[in-house]
N, C-alpha and C. Protein backbone atom coordinates (compact mmCIF):
# COMPACT_ATOMS: atom_id res chain seq x y z
N MET A 1 -188.06 -145.56 46.27
CA MET A 1 -187.08 -145.20 47.26
C MET A 1 -186.59 -146.43 47.99
N LEU A 2 -185.31 -146.39 48.35
CA LEU A 2 -184.73 -147.53 49.05
C LEU A 2 -185.18 -147.57 50.50
N GLN A 3 -185.40 -148.74 50.95
CA GLN A 3 -185.77 -148.90 52.35
C GLN A 3 -184.51 -149.05 53.19
N ILE A 4 -184.65 -148.88 54.45
CA ILE A 4 -183.52 -148.92 55.40
C ILE A 4 -182.84 -150.28 55.33
N ASP A 5 -183.59 -151.35 55.23
CA ASP A 5 -182.99 -152.69 55.16
C ASP A 5 -182.14 -152.85 53.90
N GLN A 6 -182.61 -152.26 52.79
CA GLN A 6 -181.84 -152.34 51.54
C GLN A 6 -180.54 -151.54 51.66
N ILE A 7 -180.62 -150.40 52.28
CA ILE A 7 -179.44 -149.55 52.48
C ILE A 7 -178.43 -150.28 53.37
N LYS A 8 -178.92 -150.90 54.44
CA LYS A 8 -178.03 -151.66 55.34
C LYS A 8 -177.37 -152.81 54.57
N GLU A 9 -178.14 -153.49 53.73
CA GLU A 9 -177.59 -154.61 52.95
C GLU A 9 -176.53 -154.11 51.96
N LEU A 10 -176.79 -153.00 51.31
CA LEU A 10 -175.81 -152.43 50.38
C LEU A 10 -174.53 -152.01 51.12
N CYS A 11 -174.69 -151.44 52.31
CA CYS A 11 -173.52 -151.05 53.11
C CYS A 11 -172.70 -152.28 53.52
N ARG A 12 -173.40 -153.32 53.92
CA ARG A 12 -172.73 -154.56 54.31
C ARG A 12 -171.97 -155.15 53.12
N GLU A 13 -172.59 -155.19 51.95
CA GLU A 13 -171.94 -155.71 50.74
C GLU A 13 -170.73 -154.85 50.36
N TYR A 14 -170.90 -153.53 50.50
CA TYR A 14 -169.80 -152.61 50.20
C TYR A 14 -168.61 -152.88 51.12
N LYS A 15 -168.88 -153.00 52.42
CA LYS A 15 -167.82 -153.27 53.40
C LYS A 15 -167.15 -154.61 53.11
N GLU A 16 -167.95 -155.61 52.80
CA GLU A 16 -167.41 -156.94 52.50
C GLU A 16 -166.52 -156.89 51.26
N THR A 17 -167.02 -156.21 50.23
CA THR A 17 -166.27 -156.11 48.98
C THR A 17 -164.97 -155.34 49.19
N THR A 18 -165.04 -154.22 49.90
CA THR A 18 -163.82 -153.43 50.13
C THR A 18 -162.85 -154.19 51.03
N SER A 19 -163.36 -154.94 51.98
CA SER A 19 -162.51 -155.75 52.84
C SER A 19 -161.78 -156.81 52.02
N LYS A 20 -162.50 -157.49 51.13
CA LYS A 20 -161.87 -158.48 50.25
C LYS A 20 -160.83 -157.83 49.35
N ALA A 21 -161.16 -156.65 48.83
CA ALA A 21 -160.21 -155.94 47.97
C ALA A 21 -158.96 -155.54 48.76
N ASP A 22 -159.16 -155.06 49.99
CA ASP A 22 -158.01 -154.70 50.83
C ASP A 22 -157.13 -155.92 51.10
N ASN A 23 -157.77 -157.03 51.43
CA ASN A 23 -157.00 -158.25 51.68
C ASN A 23 -156.24 -158.71 50.43
N SER A 24 -156.92 -158.61 49.29
CA SER A 24 -156.27 -158.98 48.03
C SER A 24 -155.07 -158.07 47.75
N LEU A 25 -155.24 -156.78 47.99
CA LEU A 25 -154.14 -155.85 47.77
C LEU A 25 -152.98 -156.12 48.73
N ARG A 26 -153.29 -156.40 49.99
CA ARG A 26 -152.23 -156.73 50.96
C ARG A 26 -151.47 -157.96 50.50
N GLU A 27 -152.21 -158.98 50.06
CA GLU A 27 -151.56 -160.21 49.59
C GLU A 27 -150.70 -159.93 48.36
N LEU A 28 -151.22 -159.11 47.46
CA LEU A 28 -150.48 -158.75 46.26
C LEU A 28 -149.19 -158.02 46.62
N PHE A 29 -149.26 -157.06 47.53
CA PHE A 29 -148.06 -156.32 47.94
C PHE A 29 -147.06 -157.24 48.66
N THR A 30 -147.57 -158.18 49.43
CA THR A 30 -146.69 -159.14 50.09
C THR A 30 -145.96 -159.98 49.05
N GLN A 31 -146.69 -160.42 48.04
CA GLN A 31 -146.08 -161.20 46.97
C GLN A 31 -145.07 -160.36 46.19
N MET A 32 -145.40 -159.09 45.96
CA MET A 32 -144.47 -158.20 45.25
C MET A 32 -143.17 -158.02 46.04
N ARG A 33 -143.29 -157.88 47.36
CA ARG A 33 -142.08 -157.75 48.19
C ARG A 33 -141.24 -159.02 48.11
N ALA A 34 -141.91 -160.17 48.12
CA ALA A 34 -141.19 -161.45 48.01
C ALA A 34 -140.48 -161.55 46.66
N VAL A 35 -141.15 -161.13 45.61
CA VAL A 35 -140.54 -161.15 44.28
C VAL A 35 -139.35 -160.20 44.23
N ARG A 36 -139.46 -159.03 44.84
CA ARG A 36 -138.34 -158.08 44.86
C ARG A 36 -137.15 -158.64 45.64
N ARG A 37 -137.44 -159.35 46.73
CA ARG A 37 -136.34 -159.98 47.49
C ARG A 37 -135.66 -161.04 46.63
N GLN A 38 -136.46 -161.84 45.92
CA GLN A 38 -135.90 -162.86 45.04
C GLN A 38 -135.09 -162.22 43.92
N GLU A 39 -135.61 -161.12 43.38
CA GLU A 39 -134.91 -160.41 42.32
C GLU A 39 -133.57 -159.90 42.83
N ALA A 40 -133.56 -159.33 44.03
CA ALA A 40 -132.31 -158.83 44.61
C ALA A 40 -131.32 -159.97 44.82
N ALA A 41 -131.80 -161.11 45.29
CA ALA A 41 -130.93 -162.27 45.50
C ALA A 41 -130.36 -162.76 44.17
N LEU A 42 -131.21 -162.77 43.14
CA LEU A 42 -130.74 -163.19 41.81
C LEU A 42 -129.72 -162.21 41.25
N LEU A 43 -129.92 -160.92 41.50
CA LEU A 43 -128.94 -159.93 41.04
C LEU A 43 -127.60 -160.13 41.72
N VAL A 44 -127.62 -160.45 43.00
CA VAL A 44 -126.38 -160.73 43.71
C VAL A 44 -125.69 -161.94 43.09
N LYS A 45 -126.47 -163.00 42.84
CA LYS A 45 -125.89 -164.21 42.23
C LYS A 45 -125.39 -163.90 40.83
N PHE A 46 -126.16 -163.14 40.05
CA PHE A 46 -125.74 -162.78 38.70
C PHE A 46 -124.44 -162.00 38.74
N SER A 47 -124.33 -161.07 39.68
CA SER A 47 -123.10 -160.29 39.79
C SER A 47 -121.91 -161.19 40.11
N ALA A 48 -122.11 -162.16 40.99
CA ALA A 48 -121.04 -163.09 41.34
C ALA A 48 -120.64 -163.93 40.13
N VAL A 49 -121.63 -164.41 39.39
CA VAL A 49 -121.34 -165.20 38.19
C VAL A 49 -120.63 -164.33 37.15
N ASN A 50 -121.08 -163.10 37.00
CA ASN A 50 -120.46 -162.20 36.04
C ASN A 50 -119.00 -161.93 36.42
N ARG A 51 -118.74 -161.70 37.71
CA ARG A 51 -117.35 -161.49 38.16
C ARG A 51 -116.50 -162.72 37.87
N THR A 52 -117.06 -163.89 38.14
CA THR A 52 -116.33 -165.13 37.88
C THR A 52 -116.03 -165.28 36.40
N LEU A 53 -117.00 -164.99 35.56
CA LEU A 53 -116.78 -165.08 34.11
C LEU A 53 -115.72 -164.09 33.65
N LEU A 54 -115.74 -162.89 34.21
CA LEU A 54 -114.71 -161.91 33.86
C LEU A 54 -113.33 -162.38 34.30
N GLU A 55 -113.25 -162.98 35.48
CA GLU A 55 -111.97 -163.52 35.96
C GLU A 55 -111.49 -164.65 35.05
N ILE A 56 -112.42 -165.52 34.64
CA ILE A 56 -112.06 -166.61 33.74
C ILE A 56 -111.57 -166.05 32.41
N LYS A 57 -112.27 -165.04 31.91
CA LYS A 57 -111.87 -164.42 30.64
C LYS A 57 -110.49 -163.81 30.78
N ARG A 58 -110.26 -163.10 31.88
CA ARG A 58 -108.96 -162.48 32.11
C ARG A 58 -107.87 -163.55 32.21
N ASP A 59 -108.15 -164.62 32.95
CA ASP A 59 -107.18 -165.70 33.10
C ASP A 59 -106.93 -166.41 31.78
N THR A 60 -108.00 -166.55 30.99
CA THR A 60 -107.86 -167.21 29.70
C THR A 60 -107.01 -166.38 28.75
N GLN A 61 -107.16 -165.08 28.83
CA GLN A 61 -106.36 -164.22 27.97
C GLN A 61 -104.89 -164.28 28.37
N ARG A 62 -104.63 -164.53 29.64
CA ARG A 62 -103.24 -164.64 30.09
C ARG A 62 -102.73 -166.06 29.96
N SER A 63 -103.58 -167.03 29.82
CA SER A 63 -103.19 -168.43 29.90
C SER A 63 -102.20 -168.87 28.82
N PRO A 64 -102.23 -168.37 27.57
CA PRO A 64 -101.22 -168.84 26.62
C PRO A 64 -99.81 -168.62 27.14
N LEU A 65 -99.56 -167.49 27.77
CA LEU A 65 -98.23 -167.25 28.33
C LEU A 65 -97.98 -168.19 29.50
N LEU A 66 -99.00 -168.40 30.33
CA LEU A 66 -98.83 -169.30 31.46
C LEU A 66 -98.62 -170.73 30.99
N GLU A 67 -99.38 -171.14 29.98
CA GLU A 67 -99.22 -172.49 29.45
C GLU A 67 -97.84 -172.67 28.84
N GLN A 68 -97.39 -171.67 28.10
CA GLN A 68 -96.06 -171.76 27.49
C GLN A 68 -95.00 -171.83 28.57
N ASP A 69 -95.15 -171.02 29.61
CA ASP A 69 -94.20 -171.03 30.71
C ASP A 69 -94.23 -172.38 31.41
N ALA A 70 -95.42 -172.91 31.65
CA ALA A 70 -95.54 -174.22 32.30
C ALA A 70 -94.96 -175.31 31.41
N HIS A 71 -95.19 -175.20 30.10
CA HIS A 71 -94.66 -176.18 29.16
C HIS A 71 -93.14 -176.13 29.16
N ASN A 72 -92.60 -174.93 29.21
CA ASN A 72 -91.15 -174.80 29.23
C ASN A 72 -90.54 -175.39 30.49
N ARG A 73 -91.29 -175.40 31.57
CA ARG A 73 -90.78 -175.93 32.83
C ARG A 73 -91.03 -177.42 32.98
N HIS A 74 -91.85 -177.99 32.11
CA HIS A 74 -92.21 -179.40 32.24
C HIS A 74 -90.97 -180.27 31.99
N PRO A 75 -90.71 -181.27 32.81
CA PRO A 75 -89.49 -182.08 32.66
C PRO A 75 -89.34 -182.73 31.30
N SER A 76 -90.43 -183.10 30.66
CA SER A 76 -90.31 -183.76 29.36
C SER A 76 -89.79 -182.82 28.29
N THR A 77 -89.91 -181.52 28.49
CA THR A 77 -89.41 -180.58 27.50
C THR A 77 -88.07 -179.99 27.91
N ASP A 78 -87.63 -180.30 29.09
CA ASP A 78 -86.34 -179.79 29.56
C ASP A 78 -85.25 -180.74 29.09
N LEU A 79 -84.37 -180.28 28.21
CA LEU A 79 -83.35 -181.12 27.61
C LEU A 79 -82.44 -181.75 28.67
N HIS A 80 -82.00 -180.97 29.63
CA HIS A 80 -81.11 -181.50 30.67
C HIS A 80 -81.82 -182.56 31.50
N ALA A 81 -83.07 -182.32 31.85
CA ALA A 81 -83.81 -183.30 32.63
C ALA A 81 -84.00 -184.57 31.83
N HIS A 82 -84.25 -184.44 30.53
CA HIS A 82 -84.46 -185.61 29.68
C HIS A 82 -83.18 -186.44 29.58
N VAL A 83 -82.07 -185.78 29.38
CA VAL A 83 -80.79 -186.48 29.26
C VAL A 83 -80.44 -187.14 30.58
N GLN A 84 -80.63 -186.42 31.67
CA GLN A 84 -80.25 -186.96 32.97
C GLN A 84 -81.14 -188.12 33.38
N THR A 85 -82.39 -188.12 32.99
CA THR A 85 -83.32 -189.17 33.41
C THR A 85 -83.40 -190.29 32.38
N SER A 86 -82.75 -190.13 31.25
CA SER A 86 -82.81 -191.15 30.21
C SER A 86 -82.07 -192.40 30.69
N GLU A 87 -82.71 -193.55 30.56
CA GLU A 87 -82.10 -194.79 31.00
C GLU A 87 -81.25 -195.41 29.90
N ALA A 88 -81.55 -195.10 28.65
CA ALA A 88 -80.78 -195.69 27.53
C ALA A 88 -79.49 -194.90 27.34
N PRO A 89 -78.36 -195.60 27.24
CA PRO A 89 -77.09 -194.89 27.02
C PRO A 89 -77.06 -194.33 25.59
N ILE A 90 -76.38 -193.24 25.45
CA ILE A 90 -76.24 -192.62 24.13
C ILE A 90 -75.17 -193.40 23.38
N GLN A 91 -75.50 -193.83 22.18
CA GLN A 91 -74.54 -194.59 21.37
C GLN A 91 -74.07 -193.73 20.22
N ILE A 92 -72.77 -193.75 20.00
CA ILE A 92 -72.22 -193.02 18.85
C ILE A 92 -71.94 -194.06 17.79
N LEU A 93 -72.61 -193.92 16.66
CA LEU A 93 -72.46 -194.87 15.56
C LEU A 93 -71.37 -194.37 14.63
N PRO A 94 -70.61 -195.30 14.05
CA PRO A 94 -69.57 -194.88 13.09
C PRO A 94 -70.22 -194.30 11.84
N ALA A 95 -69.53 -193.34 11.25
CA ALA A 95 -70.03 -192.72 10.04
C ALA A 95 -70.03 -193.74 8.92
N GLU A 96 -70.94 -193.59 7.96
CA GLU A 96 -71.03 -194.52 6.84
C GLU A 96 -69.74 -194.46 6.03
N GLY A 97 -69.32 -195.59 5.56
CA GLY A 97 -68.12 -195.67 4.73
C GLY A 97 -66.86 -195.79 5.55
N SER A 98 -66.96 -195.92 6.87
CA SER A 98 -65.74 -196.05 7.66
C SER A 98 -65.39 -197.49 7.84
């Protein structure tokens, strides 16, 4: 049969063990909450990156028309602008055999 001192020692060990387990569980739950906060922050960032990528994709799909329009407006492709800004005079050469 167990003596009173042995029972007291077992109770003390039980309390110590359960206290350590409780502390470990509290720490674990605290860490889990921190991980969930980080996960939520990453999801927000991921959503922002995803929106940006979708905007880039949308803009890229429209860009050939925008590039063509910008190219058409560029002074080097504008015939009138080229003629007006040309420094060399236009020379008319006589036809061969004249």
